[in-house]
C-alpha atoms as a PDB file:
ATOM      1  CA  MET A   1     -17.058  49.187 -32.133  1.00  0.00           C
ATOM      2  CA  ASN A   2     -20.714  48.864 -33.024  1.00  0.00           C
ATOM      3  CA  ASN A   3     -23.552  49.042 -30.512  1.00  0.00           C
ATOM      4  CA  ASN A   4     -23.239  45.416 -29.422  1.00  0.00           C
ATOM      5  CA  LEU A   5     -21.230  43.994 -26.556  1.00  0.00           C
ATOM      6  CA  GLN A   6     -20.242  40.345 -26.967  1.00  0.00           C
ATOM      7  CA  SER A   7     -18.340  38.086 -24.639  1.00  0.00           C
ATOM      8  CA  GLU A   8     -16.570  35.157 -26.227  1.00  0.00           C
ATOM      9  CA  VAL A   9     -14.220  32.384 -25.205  1.00  0.00           C
ATOM     10  CA  GLN A  10     -11.518  30.942 -27.429  1.00  0.00           C
ATOM     11  CA  ASP A  11      -9.462  27.765 -27.104  1.00  0.00           C
ATOM     12  CA  GLY A  12      -6.729  28.939 -29.461  1.00  0.00           C
ATOM     13  CA  ASN A  13      -8.651  28.065 -32.628  1.00  0.00           C
ATOM     14  CA  LEU A  14     -12.410  28.207 -32.176  1.00  0.00           C
ATOM     15  CA  TYR A  15     -14.451  31.041 -30.675  1.00  0.00           C
ATOM     16  CA  GLN A  16     -17.671  30.399 -28.764  1.00  0.00           C
ATOM     17  CA  GLN A  17     -20.130  33.189 -28.100  1.00  0.00           C
ATOM     18  CA  MET A  18     -21.107  33.365 -24.446  1.00  0.00           C
ATOM     19  CA  ARG A  19     -23.299  36.482 -24.245  1.00  0.00           C
ATOM     20  CA  ILE A  20     -24.412  39.339 -26.473  1.00  0.00           C
ATOM     21  CA  CYS A  21     -25.918  42.622 -25.282  1.00  0.00           C
ATOM     22  CA  HIS A  22     -27.452  45.132 -27.677  1.00  0.00           C
ATOM     23  CA  MET A  23     -26.655  48.689 -26.574  1.00  0.00           C
ATOM     24  CA  PHE A  24     -28.469  50.685 -29.258  1.00  0.00           C
ATOM     25  CA  LYS A  25     -30.097  53.067 -26.766  1.00  0.00           C
ATOM     26  CA  ALA A  26     -27.044  53.613 -24.553  1.00  0.00           C
ATOM     27  CA  THR A  27     -26.380  57.326 -24.124  1.00  0.00           C
ATOM     28  CA  GLU A  28     -23.673  57.228 -21.438  1.00  0.00           C
ATOM     29  CA  ASN A  29     -20.646  55.117 -20.545  1.00  0.00           C
ATOM     30  CA  ILE A  30     -21.481  51.530 -19.624  1.00  0.00           C
ATOM     31  CA  LYS A  31     -19.785  49.607 -16.831  1.00  0.00           C
ATOM     32  CA  PHE A  32     -19.505  45.849 -17.266  1.00  0.00           C
ATOM     33  CA  GLY A  33     -17.588  42.905 -15.875  1.00  0.00           C
ATOM     34  CA  ILE A  34     -17.321  39.154 -15.793  1.00  0.00           C
ATOM     35  CA  TYR A  35     -18.483  36.658 -13.219  1.00  0.00           C
ATOM     36  CA  ALA A  36     -18.552  32.931 -12.500  1.00  0.00           C
ATOM     37  CA  CYS A  37     -21.529  31.076 -11.033  1.00  0.00           C
ATOM     38  CA  SER A  38     -21.554  28.041  -8.806  1.00  0.00           C
ATOM     39  CA  PRO A  39     -24.808  26.054  -8.914  1.00  0.00           C
ATOM     40  CA  GLU A  40     -26.297  24.191  -5.965  1.00  0.00           C
ATOM     41  CA  ASN A  41     -24.253  25.872  -3.196  1.00  0.00           C
ATOM     42  CA  SER A  42     -20.972  24.436  -4.449  1.00  0.00           C
ATOM     43  CA  SER A  43     -17.884  26.609  -4.659  1.00  0.00           C
ATOM     44  CA  PHE A  44     -14.795  26.984  -6.799  1.00  0.00           C
ATOM     45  CA  LYS A  45     -12.045  29.453  -7.596  1.00  0.00           C
ATOM     46  CA  ALA A  46     -12.477  31.186 -10.974  1.00  0.00           C
ATOM     47  CA  ILE A  47      -9.474  32.756 -12.689  1.00  0.00           C
ATOM     48  CA  PHE A  48      -9.854  34.819 -15.862  1.00  0.00           C
ATOM     49  CA  THR A  49      -6.704  35.407 -17.927  1.00  0.00           C
ATOM     50  CA  ASP A  50      -5.619  36.754 -21.307  1.00  0.00           C
ATOM     51  CA  MET A  51      -8.591  39.090 -21.673  1.00  0.00           C
ATOM     52  CA  GLU A  52      -8.784  41.816 -24.299  1.00  0.00           C
ATOM     53  CA  MET A  53     -11.211  44.303 -25.812  1.00  0.00           C
ATOM     54  CA  SER A  54     -11.256  44.199 -29.607  1.00  0.00           C
ATOM     55  CA  GLU A  55     -13.343  44.286 -32.718  1.00  0.00           C
ATOM     56  CA  CYS A  56     -15.159  41.048 -33.544  1.00  0.00           C
ATOM     57  CA  LYS A  57     -12.734  38.294 -34.559  1.00  0.00           C
ATOM     58  CA  TRP A  58     -15.358  35.810 -35.733  1.00  0.00           C
ATOM     59  CA  PRO A  59     -14.983  34.953 -39.425  1.00  0.00           C
ATOM     60  CA  ALA A  60     -17.925  35.852 -41.651  1.00  0.00           C
ATOM     61  CA  HIS A  61     -20.315  32.948 -42.218  1.00  0.00           C
ATOM     62  CA  GLU A  62     -23.628  32.196 -43.828  1.00  0.00           C
ATOM     63  CA  GLY A  63     -25.777  31.191 -40.887  1.00  0.00           C
ATOM     64  CA  GLN A  64     -29.315  29.905 -40.856  1.00  0.00           C
ATOM     65  CA  GLN A  65     -31.673  32.369 -42.491  1.00  0.00           C
ATOM     66  CA  PRO A  66     -34.617  33.628 -40.393  1.00  0.00           C
ATOM     67  CA  ASP A  67     -38.036  32.038 -40.957  1.00  0.00           C
END
């Protein structure tokens, strides 16, 4: 993999990027995990399933060019 860590969610067809972390200066192993937040003192049970580590699965696209 390259020096980026991305978390994505997929509904079976479309991927949505959730977070991206650039790790260009990382020199050692990196520990990471997932979490769920509950705003305003509410609570809920979060279950994460069907997770995998892989190369990027997003199709190539021509996005908006920088200004």
